[in-house]
Amino acid sequence: MSLFSGAACNVKIPFSIDAACDFNQADSDHMTNTPASNGNQRVFTFSAWVKIDADNDNRTIFHSNTWPSEPWGLIAIDDSDKFRFQVYSGGSNLRVTSDAVAEGSWQHLMVAVDTTQASLSNRVKMYKNGSQITSFSNETGFAQNLDTGFNQTGHEQQLGEEAGLGRYFNGEMAQVFMIDGQQLGPSSFAEDVGGTWSAIEYTGTFGTAGFYLDFADSSDLGNDVSGNGEHFNEVNIVSGNQITSNLPPFKS
């Protein structure tokens, strides 16, 4: 006879963050993936927790395609520690560059894109720790219905590297999401808990080319746990790159 009732089997396991991945710029650490099917180039949300090491280099968080092939897209922290989203398409260099990101502490960074929006200000939204960024040091307009090059089967995408230019991330990442086909707000991924912006469990869908990297499997840090099978290949990354302490705050 079973020792557990049917009700007990339905007990919800509390959400937790158990691991992060350390990317060492000096070792050219990065991951690569090419989507199995075409997703949405115009509507998507990228969300990640990052903690950057002190240096003055460009640090690539996520990149799509290989420079100089067009269109290519970039989510990065530049050499002035500013959070940047950039797309190069049809000979036009489109970018938004925000305020600085703190070194040595976990930051929740998001880029939510919908180039089908009629209003220019709604086509690219950037967030840091739940607050929408509205002041930019460098901003160019993203055309309505612009194809960004993200989420395309013919475009390799890289986590931690800008392919073709060798610009690598330096620091740690956790809870990396690509949500294909939706422009989401930060409340889908985190909330304020006693004055601390804290990760929560994402309960939505991922779309065709979406993925979720939780870095929980030290033997396969590029494992996509979204169910889409968009697994990333590790390049110069081994089990020792997994971090299991001093992780981002979360609500269990």
Protein backbone atom coordinates (compact mmCIF):
# COMPACT_ATOMS: atom_id res chain seq x y z
CA MET A 1 0.00 0.00 0.00
CA SER A 2 1.27 3.44 -0.85
CA LEU A 3 2.45 5.55 2.05
CA PHE A 4 1.32 8.73 0.26
CA SER A 5 -2.19 9.86 -0.58
CA GLY A 6 -3.11 11.18 -4.02
CA ALA A 7 -3.43 14.69 -2.58
CA ALA A 8 0.12 14.57 -1.25
CA CYS A 9 1.41 13.85 -4.74
CA ASN A 10 0.02 17.19 -5.90
CA VAL A 11 1.91 19.30 -3.39
CA LYS A 12 3.57 22.19 -5.20
CA ILE A 13 7.35 22.31 -4.94
CA PRO A 14 8.46 25.84 -3.97
CA PHE A 15 10.35 27.79 -6.60
CA SER A 16 14.06 28.27 -6.00
CA ILE A 17 17.19 29.32 -7.84
CA ASP A 18 19.78 26.62 -7.30
CA ALA A 19 22.52 27.57 -9.75
CA ALA A 20 24.06 30.16 -12.04
CA CYS A 21 26.74 30.00 -14.71
CA ASP A 22 30.06 31.82 -14.48
CA PHE A 23 31.38 33.18 -17.79
CA ASN A 24 35.09 33.94 -17.90
CA GLN A 25 36.02 36.40 -20.62
CA ALA A 26 39.67 35.33 -20.58
CA ASP A 27 38.63 31.76 -21.44
CA SER A 28 36.19 32.84 -24.19
CA ASP A 29 33.36 31.08 -22.35
CA HIS A 30 30.07 31.06 -24.26
CA MET A 31 27.20 28.90 -25.50
CA THR A 32 25.66 28.53 -28.95
CA ASN A 33 22.33 27.40 -30.37
CA THR A 34 20.52 27.60 -33.69
CA PRO A 35 16.72 27.51 -33.33
CA ALA A 36 15.16 24.36 -34.73
CA SER A 37 12.26 26.35 -36.24
CA ASN A 38 11.65 29.95 -37.14
CA GLY A 39 10.09 31.93 -34.34
CA ASN A 40 8.99 35.55 -34.18
CA GLN A 41 11.56 38.18 -35.22
CA ARG A 42 9.32 41.08 -34.27
CA VAL A 43 7.86 40.10 -30.91
CA PHE A 44 9.85 38.55 -28.06
CA THR A 45 11.07 39.02 -24.50
CA PHE A 46 14.57 38.28 -23.20
CA SER A 47 15.02 38.12 -19.43
CA ALA A 48 18.11 37.29 -17.36
CA TRP A 49 19.75 37.91 -14.02
CA VAL A 50 23.35 39.06 -14.46
CA LYS A 51 26.24 39.98 -12.19
CA ILE A 52 29.13 41.62 -14.02
CA ASP A 53 32.78 41.58 -13.09
CA ALA A 54 34.72 44.83 -12.91
CA ASP A 55 36.35 45.68 -16.24
CA ASN A 56 35.85 48.17 -19.04
CA ASP A 57 35.15 45.84 -21.94
CA ASN A 58 32.01 45.27 -23.96
CA ARG A 59 30.27 42.29 -22.38
CA THR A 60 27.82 40.42 -24.60
CA ILE A 61 24.84 38.84 -22.86
CA PHE A 62 23.02 37.53 -25.93
CA HIS A 63 23.62 37.82 -29.66
CA SER A 64 21.85 36.56 -32.78
CA ASN A 65 23.54 35.84 -36.11
CA THR A 66 27.24 36.27 -36.91
CA TRP A 67 28.70 39.67 -37.75
CA PRO A 68 28.73 41.02 -40.47
CA SER A 69 25.74 38.99 -41.69
CA GLU A 70 22.48 40.94 -41.43
CA PRO A 71 20.28 41.34 -39.58
CA TRP A 72 22.12 40.76 -36.33
CA GLY A 73 20.95 41.60 -32.83
CA LEU A 74 22.73 42.26 -29.56
CA ILE A 75 21.89 42.50 -25.85
CA ALA A 76 24.94 43.64 -23.94
CA ILE A 77 26.62 45.79 -21.33
CA ASP A 78 28.98 48.20 -23.07
CA ASP A 79 32.41 49.48 -22.06
CA SER A 80 30.76 52.20 -19.94
CA ASP A 81 28.71 49.58 -18.04
CA LYS A 82 25.55 50.69 -19.86
CA PHE A 83 22.79 48.26 -20.78
CA ARG A 84 22.34 48.12 -24.58
CA PHE A 85 19.97 46.61 -27.14
CA GLN A 86 21.08 46.86 -30.75
CA VAL A 87 19.98 45.62 -34.17
CA TYR A 88 21.87 46.07 -37.43
CA SER A 89 19.56 45.66 -40.42
CA GLY A 90 19.62 46.90 -44.00
CA GLY A 91 22.71 49.00 -43.37
CA SER A 92 21.04 50.78 -40.43
CA ASN A 93 22.48 50.59 -36.94
CA LEU A 94 19.58 50.78 -34.48
CA ARG A 95 20.22 50.90 -30.76
CA VAL A 96 19.03 51.97 -27.34
CA THR A 97 21.60 52.43 -24.59
CA SER A 98 20.41 52.91 -21.02
CA ASP A 99 21.81 53.83 -17.64
CA ALA A 100 24.70 51.98 -16.00
CA VAL A 101 24.45 48.51 -14.48
CA ALA A 102 26.06 48.00 -11.08
CA GLU A 103 29.13 45.82 -10.77
CA GLY A 104 29.31 43.04 -8.22
CA SER A 105 25.57 42.72 -7.57
CA TRP A 106 22.80 40.75 -9.22
CA GLN A 107 20.63 42.77 -11.64
CA HIS A 108 17.47 41.62 -13.38
CA LEU A 109 17.66 42.85 -16.98
CA MET A 110 14.93 42.56 -19.61
CA VAL A 111 14.38 43.57 -23.22
CA ALA A 112 10.77 43.29 -24.42
CA VAL A 113 10.30 43.85 -28.15
CA ASP A 114 7.26 44.31 -30.36
CA THR A 115 8.12 46.15 -33.56
CA THR A 116 4.53 45.77 -34.79
CA GLN A 117 3.43 48.46 -32.30
CA ALA A 118 2.19 51.72 -33.82
CA SER A 119 3.88 53.79 -31.11
CA LEU A 120 7.68 54.02 -31.41
CA SER A 121 8.10 54.08 -27.63
CA ASN A 122 6.35 50.71 -27.30
CA ARG A 123 8.49 48.83 -29.81
CA VAL A 124 11.47 48.31 -27.49
CA LYS A 125 11.09 48.32 -23.71
CA MET A 126 14.03 47.81 -21.39
CA TYR A 127 13.87 47.11 -17.67
CA LYS A 128 16.32 46.94 -14.78
CA ASN A 129 15.15 45.39 -11.51
CA GLY A 130 11.52 45.81 -12.48
CA SER A 131 11.66 49.47 -13.46
CA GLN A 132 11.23 50.50 -17.07
CA ILE A 133 14.16 52.48 -18.39
CA THR A 134 12.99 55.70 -20.03
CA SER A 135 16.22 57.71 -20.20
CA PHE A 136 18.78 56.75 -22.82
CA SER A 137 22.26 58.03 -23.62
CA ASN A 138 21.99 56.77 -27.19
CA GLU A 139 18.70 56.04 -28.93
CA THR A 140 17.69 55.51 -32.56
CA GLY A 141 14.22 54.61 -33.78
CA PHE A 142 13.19 51.05 -34.56
CA ALA A 143 10.98 50.98 -37.67
CA GLN A 144 7.53 49.49 -37.41
CA ASN A 145 7.51 45.78 -38.35
CA LEU A 146 11.31 45.63 -38.33
CA ASP A 147 12.67 42.08 -38.60
CA THR A 148 15.36 41.88 -35.93
CA GLY A 149 16.95 38.56 -36.85
CA PHE A 150 16.26 36.98 -33.45
CA ASN A 151 14.63 33.53 -33.19
CA GLN A 152 15.48 32.42 -36.73
CA THR A 153 16.58 28.92 -37.70
CA GLY A 154 19.25 30.21 -40.10
CA HIS A 155 20.86 32.41 -37.43
CA GLU A 156 23.12 30.97 -34.77
CA GLN A 157 22.57 32.68 -31.43
CA GLN A 158 25.18 32.98 -28.72
CA LEU A 159 24.93 33.40 -24.98
CA GLY A 160 27.97 35.26 -23.68
CA GLU A 161 29.56 36.08 -27.05
CA GLU A 162 29.17 38.49 -29.96
CA ALA A 163 30.02 36.12 -32.79
CA GLY A 164 32.41 37.52 -35.36
CA LEU A 165 33.88 40.12 -33.01
CA GLY A 166 34.90 37.98 -30.04
CA ARG A 167 33.29 40.12 -27.35
CA TYR A 168 32.58 37.86 -24.39
CA PHE A 169 30.60 38.22 -21.21
CA ASN A 170 32.52 38.51 -17.95
CA GLY A 171 30.52 37.59 -14.87
CA GLU A 172 27.61 35.36 -13.91
CA MET A 173 24.17 34.71 -15.40
CA ALA A 174 21.09 33.01 -13.96
CA GLN A 175 17.50 32.37 -15.03
CA VAL A 176 17.93 33.10 -18.74
CA PHE A 177 14.66 33.22 -20.70
CA MET A 178 13.71 33.83 -24.30
CA ILE A 179 9.94 34.13 -24.71
CA ASP A 180 9.12 33.95 -28.40
CA GLY A 181 6.02 35.80 -29.62
CA GLN A 182 5.20 37.85 -26.50
CA GLN A 183 6.22 41.27 -25.23
CA LEU A 184 6.03 40.73 -21.47
CA GLY A 185 6.51 42.92 -18.43
CA PRO A 186 8.87 42.22 -15.53
CA SER A 187 6.09 40.90 -13.28
CA SER A 188 6.18 37.68 -15.32
CA PHE A 189 9.64 36.92 -13.90
CA ALA A 190 10.07 38.76 -10.59
CA GLU A 191 8.39 40.90 -7.95
CA ASP A 192 9.20 43.12 -4.99
CA VAL A 193 9.58 41.11 -1.80
CA GLY A 194 10.11 43.32 1.24
CA GLY A 195 11.93 45.93 -0.82
CA THR A 196 14.10 43.43 -2.73
CA TRP A 197 13.45 42.69 -6.40
CA SER A 198 13.24 38.89 -6.37
CA ALA A 199 12.81 36.20 -9.00
CA ILE A 200 9.56 34.24 -9.14
CA GLU A 201 8.55 31.15 -11.07
CA TYR A 202 7.64 31.86 -14.70
CA THR A 203 4.36 30.12 -15.46
CA GLY A 204 3.70 31.25 -19.04
CA THR A 205 4.44 29.73 -22.43
CA PHE A 206 7.65 29.93 -24.46
CA GLY A 207 6.53 30.07 -28.09
CA THR A 208 8.22 28.29 -30.97
CA ALA A 209 11.88 29.24 -30.47
CA GLY A 210 11.82 30.20 -26.78
CA PHE A 211 14.07 28.67 -24.15
CA TYR A 212 14.84 28.66 -20.43
CA LEU A 213 18.31 27.99 -19.03
CA ASP A 214 18.41 27.39 -15.25
CA PHE A 215 22.01 25.99 -15.21
CA ALA A 216 20.92 23.36 -12.66
CA ASP A 217 22.65 20.42 -14.39
CA SER A 218 26.39 20.88 -13.95
CA SER A 219 27.09 18.22 -16.59
CA ASP A 220 24.92 20.05 -19.16
CA LEU A 221 24.80 23.75 -18.35
CA GLY A 222 23.27 24.59 -21.74
CA ASN A 223 20.24 22.39 -21.08
CA ASP A 224 16.98 24.05 -22.12
CA VAL A 225 14.30 23.20 -19.53
CA SER A 226 11.44 24.96 -21.35
CA GLY A 227 10.38 21.78 -23.11
CA ASN A 228 11.25 23.22 -26.54
CA GLY A 229 14.52 21.35 -26.81
CA GLU A 230 16.53 24.47 -27.70
CA HIS A 231 19.65 23.18 -25.98
CA PHE A 232 22.83 25.25 -26.09
CA ASN A 233 26.28 23.86 -26.85
CA GLU A 234 28.87 24.78 -24.24
CA VAL A 235 32.11 26.25 -25.56
CA ASN A 236 34.97 26.28 -23.02
CA ILE A 237 32.36 25.79 -20.30
CA VAL A 238 32.64 22.83 -17.91
CA SER A 239 30.93 21.70 -14.73
CA GLY A 240 33.21 23.99 -12.72
CA ASN A 241 31.47 26.99 -14.31
CA GLN A 242 28.36 26.23 -12.29
CA ILE A 243 27.81 28.54 -9.29
CA THR A 244 25.64 27.35 -6.39
CA SER A 245 26.10 30.11 -3.80
CA ASN A 246 25.46 33.86 -3.64
CA LEU A 247 22.64 33.52 -6.17
CA PRO A 248 19.95 36.05 -7.14
CA PRO A 249 17.17 36.65 -4.59
CA PHE A 250 13.98 34.66 -5.18
CA LYS A 251 10.52 34.16 -3.76
CA SER A 252 9.95 30.52 -2.84
